[in-house]
Structures are given as C-alpha cells and as structure tokens.
Amino acid sequence: MIETTFEFETSGLREEAKRIGLKEGREEGIREGRKEGIREGLMKTALSMLQEGLDLSLIKKVTGLTEQQILNIQMGLNE
C-alpha cells in the first residue's frame, strides 16, 4: 500500500514537472521567435535603406544594427 501511494505521488510529480517544462519551453520559444522576428524586420529595413543609398551611420542609428551586420547585408546585395 505504501509503495503504491508513493508511486502514485511520484507519478503526479513527474506529470507536473513535465507540464511545467513544456510551458517554460513554449514560453522560451515564443520569446525567441519574437526576437528573431524583430531581427528580421530590422534587417529588411536596413536592406531597404541600403537600396535607397542612405548613409551607413544613419542606418546604424535607425536600426541599431552593427556596422558589420549592415555590411553583411550590403554584401548580400552585391552577390
């Protein structure tokens, strides 16, 4: 009887831990997805600005991207 009760209780704890882990994983995935979406949006903005011939320093200021990130985008334009 004691073993059965213990097994039942630990089974419930495992299920709760699994539920919490899945919830935390889902929330982390949503956060990462948002970050990636923002990053992609900034890169598209920088690409548009480059295509319009805007100055690198202005693109850095507006997008918050680094000079290297912008240059990488620019290199992609020239390929």
PDB file of N, CA and C in Angstrom:
ATOM      1  N   MET A   1       0.823  -1.191   0.000  1.00  0.00           N
ATOM      2  CA  MET A   1       0.000   0.000   0.000  1.00  0.00           C
ATOM      3  C   MET A   1       0.870   1.259   0.000  1.00  0.00           C
ATOM      4  N   ILE A   2       1.895   1.277   0.813  1.00  0.00           N
ATOM      5  CA  ILE A   2       2.777   2.438   0.883  1.00  0.00           C
ATOM      6  C   ILE A   2       3.492   2.631  -0.447  1.00  0.00           C
ATOM      7  N   GLU A   3       3.977   1.549  -1.057  1.00  0.00           N
ATOM      8  CA  GLU A   3       4.657   1.648  -2.346  1.00  0.00           C
ATOM      9  C   GLU A   3       3.719   2.174  -3.415  1.00  0.00           C
ATOM     10  N   THR A   4       2.486   1.727  -3.427  1.00  0.00           N
ATOM     11  CA  THR A   4       1.502   2.170  -4.416  1.00  0.00           C
ATOM     12  C   THR A   4       1.228   3.660  -4.254  1.00  0.00           C
ATOM     13  N   THR A   5       1.078   4.113  -3.028  1.00  0.00           N
ATOM     14  CA  THR A   5       0.852   5.531  -2.766  1.00  0.00           C
ATOM     15  C   THR A   5       2.054   6.347  -3.213  1.00  0.00           C
ATOM     16  N   PHE A   6       3.248   5.854  -2.907  1.00  0.00           N
ATOM     17  CA  PHE A   6       4.475   6.547  -3.305  1.00  0.00           C
ATOM     18  C   PHE A   6       4.572   6.634  -4.826  1.00  0.00           C
ATOM     19  N   GLU A   7       4.301   5.538  -5.518  1.00  0.00           N
ATOM     20  CA  GLU A   7       4.334   5.525  -6.978  1.00  0.00           C
ATOM     21  C   GLU A   7       3.331   6.514  -7.543  1.00  0.00           C
ATOM     22  N   PHE A   8       2.146   6.568  -6.967  1.00  0.00           N
ATOM     23  CA  PHE A   8       1.111   7.494  -7.426  1.00  0.00           C
ATOM     24  C   PHE A   8       1.560   8.943  -7.238  1.00  0.00           C
ATOM     25  N   GLU A   9       2.130   9.226  -6.066  1.00  0.00           N
ATOM     26  CA  GLU A   9       2.582  10.590  -5.780  1.00  0.00           C
ATOM     27  C   GLU A   9       3.732  11.000  -6.689  1.00  0.00           C
ATOM     28  N   THR A  10       4.706  10.112  -6.908  1.00  0.00           N
ATOM     29  CA  THR A  10       5.837  10.468  -7.769  1.00  0.00           C
ATOM     30  C   THR A  10       5.395  10.578  -9.222  1.00  0.00           C
ATOM     31  N   SER A  11       4.424   9.789  -9.610  1.00  0.00           N
ATOM     32  CA  SER A  11       3.884   9.886 -10.967  1.00  0.00           C
ATOM     33  C   SER A  11       3.245  11.258 -11.168  1.00  0.00           C
ATOM     34  N   GLY A  12       2.512  11.720 -10.174  1.00  0.00           N
ATOM     35  CA  GLY A  12       1.893  13.045 -10.241  1.00  0.00           C
ATOM     36  C   GLY A  12       2.932  14.148 -10.300  1.00  0.00           C
ATOM     37  N   LEU A  13       4.011  13.977  -9.540  1.00  0.00           N
ATOM     38  CA  LEU A  13       5.084  14.968  -9.554  1.00  0.00           C
ATOM     39  C   LEU A  13       5.772  15.008 -10.912  1.00  0.00           C
ATOM     40  N   ARG A  14       5.982  13.821 -11.505  1.00  0.00           N
ATOM     41  CA  ARG A  14       6.594  13.775 -12.837  1.00  0.00           C
ATOM     42  C   ARG A  14       5.714  14.480 -13.862  1.00  0.00           C
ATOM     43  N   GLU A  15       4.428  14.232 -13.787  1.00  0.00           N
ATOM     44  CA  GLU A  15       3.497  14.865 -14.732  1.00  0.00           C
ATOM     45  C   GLU A  15       3.491  16.386 -14.555  1.00  0.00           C
ATOM     46  N   GLU A  16       3.523  16.835 -13.319  1.00  0.00           N
ATOM     47  CA  GLU A  16       3.560  18.274 -13.043  1.00  0.00           C
ATOM     48  C   GLU A  16       4.862  18.886 -13.557  1.00  0.00           C
ATOM     49  N   ALA A  17       5.983  18.201 -13.321  1.00  0.00           N
ATOM     50  CA  ALA A  17       7.279  18.687 -13.809  1.00  0.00           C
ATOM     51  C   ALA A  17       7.281  18.738 -15.328  1.00  0.00           C
ATOM     52  N   LYS A  18       6.707  17.733 -15.957  1.00  0.00           N
ATOM     53  CA  LYS A  18       6.623  17.701 -17.420  1.00  0.00           C
ATOM     54  C   LYS A  18       5.778  18.876 -17.933  1.00  0.00           C
ATOM     55  N   ARG A  19       4.640  19.117 -17.282  1.00  0.00           N
ATOM     56  CA  ARG A  19       3.755  20.220 -17.678  1.00  0.00           C
ATOM     57  C   ARG A  19       4.472  21.560 -17.540  1.00  0.00           C
ATOM     58  N   ILE A  20       5.179  21.740 -16.434  1.00  0.00           N
ATOM     59  CA  ILE A  20       5.908  22.988 -16.203  1.00  0.00           C
ATOM     60  C   ILE A  20       7.016  23.141 -17.241  1.00  0.00           C
ATOM     61  N   GLY A  21       7.739  22.054 -17.505  1.00  0.00           N
ATOM     62  CA  GLY A  21       8.813  22.098 -18.502  1.00  0.00           C
ATOM     63  C   GLY A  21       8.294  22.452 -19.886  1.00  0.00           C
ATOM     64  N   LEU A  22       7.177  21.871 -20.266  1.00  0.00           N
ATOM     65  CA  LEU A  22       6.591  22.178 -21.577  1.00  0.00           C
ATOM     66  C   LEU A  22       6.148  23.645 -21.651  1.00  0.00           C
ATOM     67  N   LYS A  23       5.551  24.120 -20.568  1.00  0.00           N
ATOM     68  CA  LYS A  23       5.099  25.520 -20.532  1.00  0.00           C
ATOM     69  C   LYS A  23       6.291  26.470 -20.656  1.00  0.00           C
ATOM     70  N   GLU A  24       7.351  26.199 -19.895  1.00  0.00           N
ATOM     71  CA  GLU A  24       8.541  27.051 -19.946  1.00  0.00           C
ATOM     72  C   GLU A  24       9.196  26.988 -21.325  1.00  0.00           C
ATOM     73  N   GLY A  25       9.244  25.798 -21.911  1.00  0.00           N
ATOM     74  CA  GLY A  25       9.812  25.652 -23.248  1.00  0.00           C
ATOM     75  C   GLY A  25       9.015  26.419 -24.287  1.00  0.00           C
ATOM     76  N   ARG A  26       7.707  26.360 -24.190  1.00  0.00           N
ATOM     77  CA  ARG A  26       6.835  27.080 -25.112  1.00  0.00           C
ATOM     78  C   ARG A  26       7.044  28.594 -24.972  1.00  0.00           C
ATOM     79  N   GLU A  27       7.108  29.063 -23.731  1.00  0.00           N
ATOM     80  CA  GLU A  27       7.316  30.499 -23.486  1.00  0.00           C
ATOM     81  C   GLU A  27       8.665  30.952 -24.022  1.00  0.00           C
ATOM     82  N   GLU A  28       9.700  30.139 -23.823  1.00  0.00           N
ATOM     83  CA  GLU A  28      11.028  30.482 -24.342  1.00  0.00           C
ATOM     84  C   GLU A  28      11.006  30.518 -25.869  1.00  0.00           C
ATOM     85  N   GLY A  29      10.307  29.576 -26.478  1.00  0.00           N
ATOM     86  CA  GLY A  29      10.187  29.551 -27.938  1.00  0.00           C
ATOM     87  C   GLY A  29       9.500  30.794 -28.462  1.00  0.00           C
ATOM     88  N   ILE A  30       8.473  31.229 -27.781  1.00  0.00           N
ATOM     89  CA  ILE A  30       7.758  32.449 -28.184  1.00  0.00           C
ATOM     90  C   ILE A  30       8.687  33.655 -28.075  1.00  0.00           C
ATOM     91  N   ARG A  31       9.438  33.747 -26.964  1.00  0.00           N
ATOM     92  CA  ARG A  31      10.384  34.868 -26.798  1.00  0.00           C
ATOM     93  C   ARG A  31      11.429  34.870 -27.906  1.00  0.00           C
ATOM     94  N   GLU A  32      11.983  33.701 -28.191  1.00  0.00           N
ATOM     95  CA  GLU A  32      12.999  33.607 -29.239  1.00  0.00           C
ATOM     96  C   GLU A  32      12.412  33.942 -30.604  1.00  0.00           C
ATOM     97  N   GLY A  33      11.194  33.504 -30.848  1.00  0.00           N
ATOM     98  CA  GLY A  33      10.534  33.818 -32.106  1.00  0.00           C
ATOM     99  C   GLY A  33      10.312  35.313 -32.283  1.00  0.00           C
ATOM    100  N   ARG A  34       9.933  35.964 -31.213  1.00  0.00           N
ATOM    101  CA  ARG A  34       9.745  37.423 -31.269  1.00  0.00           C
ATOM    102  C   ARG A  34      11.066  38.125 -31.570  1.00  0.00           C
ATOM    103  N   LYS A  35      12.131  37.684 -30.875  1.00  0.00           N
ATOM    104  CA  LYS A  35      13.450  38.291 -31.114  1.00  0.00           C
ATOM    105  C   LYS A  35      13.865  38.110 -32.568  1.00  0.00           C
ATOM    106  N   GLU A  36      13.661  36.915 -33.088  1.00  0.00           N
ATOM    107  CA  GLU A  36      14.040  36.634 -34.474  1.00  0.00           C
ATOM    108  C   GLU A  36      13.206  37.474 -35.440  1.00  0.00           C
ATOM    109  N   GLY A  37      11.927  37.625 -35.143  1.00  0.00           N
ATOM    110  CA  GLY A  37      11.067  38.453 -35.987  1.00  0.00           C
ATOM    111  C   GLY A  37      11.515  39.906 -36.002  1.00  0.00           C
ATOM    112  N   ILE A  38      11.879  40.411 -34.852  1.00  0.00           N
ATOM    113  CA  ILE A  38      12.365  41.794 -34.761  1.00  0.00           C
ATOM    114  C   ILE A  38      13.663  41.934 -35.545  1.00  0.00           C
ATOM    115  N   ARG A  39      14.564  40.965 -35.368  1.00  0.00           N
ATOM    116  CA  ARG A  39      15.844  40.994 -36.072  1.00  0.00           C
ATOM    117  C   ARG A  39      15.640  40.973 -37.583  1.00  0.00           C
ATOM    118  N   GLU A  40      14.747  40.126 -38.048  1.00  0.00           N
ATOM    119  CA  GLU A  40      14.471  40.060 -39.485  1.00  0.00           C
ATOM    120  C   GLU A  40      13.882  41.372 -39.988  1.00  0.00           C
ATOM    121  N   GLY A  41      13.010  41.972 -39.194  1.00  0.00           N
ATOM    122  CA  GLY A  41      12.425  43.256 -39.572  1.00  0.00           C
ATOM    123  C   GLY A  41      13.478  44.343 -39.683  1.00  0.00           C
ATOM    124  N   LEU A  42      14.414  44.372 -38.746  1.00  0.00           N
ATOM    125  CA  LEU A  42      15.484  45.357 -38.784  1.00  0.00           C
ATOM    126  C   LEU A  42      16.384  45.141 -39.995  1.00  0.00           C
ATOM    127  N   MET A  43      16.627  43.888 -40.313  1.00  0.00           N
ATOM    128  CA  MET A  43      17.479  43.600 -41.465  1.00  0.00           C
ATOM    129  C   MET A  43      16.778  44.003 -42.765  1.00  0.00           C
ATOM    130  N   LYS A  44      15.471  43.795 -42.852  1.00  0.00           N
ATOM    131  CA  LYS A  44      14.723  44.220 -44.038  1.00  0.00           C
ATOM    132  C   LYS A  44      14.734  45.743 -44.150  1.00  0.00           C
ATOM    133  N   THR A  45      14.599  46.406 -43.018  1.00  0.00           N
ATOM    134  CA  THR A  45      14.650  47.867 -43.011  1.00  0.00           C
ATOM    135  C   THR A  45      16.012  48.353 -43.485  1.00  0.00           C
ATOM    136  N   ALA A  46      17.073  47.739 -42.955  1.00  0.00           N
ATOM    137  CA  ALA A  46      18.428  48.115 -43.359  1.00  0.00           C
ATOM    138  C   ALA A  46      18.622  47.863 -44.852  1.00  0.00           C
ATOM    139  N   LEU A  47      18.109  46.763 -45.356  1.00  0.00           N
ATOM    140  CA  LEU A  47      18.214  46.451 -46.778  1.00  0.00           C
ATOM    141  C   LEU A  47      17.534  47.527 -47.616  1.00  0.00           C
ATOM    142  N   SER A  48      16.353  47.917 -47.219  1.00  0.00           N
ATOM    143  CA  SER A  48      15.633  48.982 -47.941  1.00  0.00           C
ATOM    144  C   SER A  48      16.407  50.292 -47.913  1.00  0.00           C
ATOM    145  N   MET A  49      16.976  50.594 -46.755  1.00  0.00           N
ATOM    146  CA  MET A  49      17.734  51.834 -46.618  1.00  0.00           C
ATOM    147  C   MET A  49      18.987  51.796 -47.491  1.00  0.00           C
ATOM    148  N   LEU A  50      19.646  50.636 -47.537  1.00  0.00           N
ATOM    149  CA  LEU A  50      20.824  50.488 -48.398  1.00  0.00           C
ATOM    150  C   LEU A  50      20.434  50.667 -49.863  1.00  0.00           C
ATOM    151  N   GLN A  51      19.319  50.079 -50.249  1.00  0.00           N
ATOM    152  CA  GLN A  51      18.856  50.184 -51.632  1.00  0.00           C
ATOM    153  C   GLN A  51      18.521  51.624 -52.006  1.00  0.00           C
ATOM    154  N   GLU A  52      18.143  52.410 -51.013  1.00  0.00           N
ATOM    155  CA  GLU A  52      17.848  53.832 -51.247  1.00  0.00           C
ATOM    156  C   GLU A  52      19.109  54.687 -51.209  1.00  0.00           C
ATOM    157  N   GLY A  53      20.232  54.058 -50.873  1.00  0.00           N
ATOM    158  CA  GLY A  53      21.505  54.777 -50.871  1.00  0.00           C
ATOM    159  C   GLY A  53      21.756  55.597 -49.624  1.00  0.00           C
ATOM    160  N   LEU A  54      21.075  55.270 -48.541  1.00  0.00           N
ATOM    161  CA  LEU A  54      21.262  56.031 -47.308  1.00  0.00           C
ATOM    162  C   LEU A  54      22.612  55.708 -46.670  1.00  0.00           C
ATOM    163  N   ASP A  55      23.109  56.657 -45.903  1.00  0.00           N
ATOM    164  CA  ASP A  55      24.409  56.561 -45.256  1.00  0.00           C
ATOM    165  C   ASP A  55      24.424  55.472 -44.182  1.00  0.00           C
ATOM    166  N   LEU A  56      25.550  54.780 -44.105  1.00  0.00           N
ATOM    167  CA  LEU A  56      25.730  53.698 -43.148  1.00  0.00           C
ATOM    168  C   LEU A  56      25.471  54.152 -41.709  1.00  0.00           C
ATOM    169  N   SER A  57      25.955  55.325 -41.355  1.00  0.00           N
ATOM    170  CA  SER A  57      25.771  55.800 -39.972  1.00  0.00           C
ATOM    171  C   SER A  57      24.296  56.031 -39.657  1.00  0.00           C
ATOM    172  N   LEU A  58      23.529  56.482 -40.640  1.00  0.00           N
ATOM    173  CA  LEU A  58      22.093  56.674 -40.431  1.00  0.00           C
ATOM    174  C   LEU A  58      21.405  55.322 -40.262  1.00  0.00           C
ATOM    175  N   ILE A  59      21.799  54.348 -41.060  1.00  0.00           N
ATOM    176  CA  ILE A  59      21.208  53.014 -40.967  1.00  0.00           C
ATOM    177  C   ILE A  59      21.508  52.402 -39.599  1.00  0.00           C
ATOM    178  N   LYS A  60      22.740  52.575 -39.119  1.00  0.00           N
ATOM    179  CA  LYS A  60      23.106  52.090 -37.784  1.00  0.00           C
ATOM    180  C   LYS A  60      22.235  52.738 -36.721  1.00  0.00           C
ATOM    181  N   LYS A  61      22.067  54.048 -36.836  1.00  0.00           N
ATOM    182  CA  LYS A  61      21.304  54.798 -35.836  1.00  0.00           C
ATOM    183  C   LYS A  61      19.840  54.368 -35.825  1.00  0.00           C
ATOM    184  N   VAL A  62      19.256  54.210 -36.991  1.00  0.00           N
ATOM    185  CA  VAL A  62      17.831  53.881 -37.093  1.00  0.00           C
ATOM    186  C   VAL A  62      17.550  52.436 -36.687  1.00  0.00           C
ATOM    187  N   THR A  63      18.385  51.510 -37.137  1.00  0.00           N
ATOM    188  CA  THR A  63      18.106  50.087 -36.908  1.00  0.00           C
ATOM    189  C   THR A  63      18.724  49.523 -35.641  1.00  0.00           C
ATOM    190  N   GLY A  64      19.824  50.130 -35.178  1.00  0.00           N
ATOM    191  CA  GLY A  64      20.535  49.587 -34.033  1.00  0.00           C
ATOM    192  C   GLY A  64      21.437  48.420 -34.396  1.00  0.00           C
ATOM    193  N   LEU A  65      21.524  48.113 -35.690  1.00  0.00           N
ATOM    194  CA  LEU A  65      22.413  47.048 -36.143  1.00  0.00           C
ATOM    195  C   LEU A  65      23.856  47.534 -36.099  1.00  0.00           C
ATOM    196  N   THR A  66      24.779  46.597 -36.010  1.00  0.00           N
ATOM    197  CA  THR A  66      26.184  46.968 -36.022  1.00  0.00           C
ATOM    198  C   THR A  66      26.624  47.240 -37.463  1.00  0.00           C
ATOM    199  N   GLU A  67      27.745  47.908 -37.589  1.00  0.00           N
ATOM    200  CA  GLU A  67      28.288  48.188 -38.917  1.00  0.00           C
ATOM    201  C   GLU A  67      28.536  46.880 -39.675  1.00  0.00           C
ATOM    202  N   GLN A  68      29.067  45.881 -38.970  1.00  0.00           N
ATOM    203  CA  GLN A  68      29.356  44.595 -39.614  1.00  0.00           C
ATOM    204  C   GLN A  68      28.075  43.925 -40.112  1.00  0.00           C
ATOM    205  N   GLN A  69      27.016  43.977 -39.328  1.00  0.00           N
ATOM    206  CA  GLN A  69      25.748  43.390 -39.754  1.00  0.00           C
ATOM    207  C   GLN A  69      25.241  44.078 -41.018  1.00  0.00           C
ATOM    208  N   ILE A  70      25.366  45.392 -41.061  1.00  0.00           N
ATOM    209  CA  ILE A  70      24.903  46.151 -42.230  1.00  0.00           C
ATOM    210  C   ILE A  70      25.768  45.832 -43.435  1.00  0.00           C
ATOM    211  N   LEU A  71      27.070  45.758 -43.216  1.00  0.00           N
ATOM    212  CA  LEU A  71      27.966  45.411 -44.325  1.00  0.00           C
ATOM    213  C   LEU A  71      27.672  44.008 -44.866  1.00  0.00           C
ATOM    214  N   ASN A  72      27.325  43.087 -43.980  1.00  0.00           N
ATOM    215  CA  ASN A  72      26.950  41.750 -44.408  1.00  0.00           C
ATOM    216  C   ASN A  72      25.695  41.778 -45.280  1.00  0.00           C
ATOM    217  N   ILE A  73      24.737  42.601 -44.893  1.00  0.00           N
ATOM    218  CA  ILE A  73      23.525  42.758 -45.687  1.00  0.00           C
ATOM    219  C   ILE A  73      23.874  43.346 -47.052  1.00  0.00           C
ATOM    220  N   GLN A  74      24.745  44.347 -47.017  1.00  0.00           N
ATOM    221  CA  GLN A  74      25.177  45.008 -48.252  1.00  0.00           C
ATOM    222  C   GLN A  74      25.907  44.028 -49.172  1.00  0.00           C
ATOM    223  N   MET A  75      26.727  43.163 -48.597  1.00  0.00           N
ATOM    224  CA  MET A  75      27.443  42.164 -49.401  1.00  0.00           C
ATOM    225  C   MET A  75      26.452  41.223 -50.096  1.00  0.00           C
ATOM    226  N   GLY A  76      25.372  40.915 -49.396  1.00  0.00           N
ATOM    227  CA  GLY A  76      24.335  40.077 -49.973  1.00  0.00           C
ATOM    228  C   GLY A  76      23.676  40.729 -51.160  1.00  0.00           C
ATOM    229  N   LEU A  77      23.617  42.062 -51.151  1.00  0.00           N
ATOM    230  CA  LEU A  77      23.055  42.815 -52.280  1.00  0.00           C
ATOM    231  C   LEU A  77      23.937  42.723 -53.503  1.00  0.00           C
ATOM    232  N   ASN A  78      25.244  42.674 -53.280  1.00  0.00           N
ATOM    233  CA  ASN A  78      26.199  42.716 -54.379  1.00  0.00           C
ATOM    234  C   ASN A  78      26.448  41.338 -55.010  1.00  0.00           C
ATOM    235  N   GLU A  79      25.884  40.300 -54.428  1.00  0.00           N
ATOM    236  CA  GLU A  79      26.112  38.949 -54.969  1.00  0.00           C
ATOM    237  C   GLU A  79      25.176  38.646 -56.114  1.00  0.00           C
TER     238      GLU A  79
END
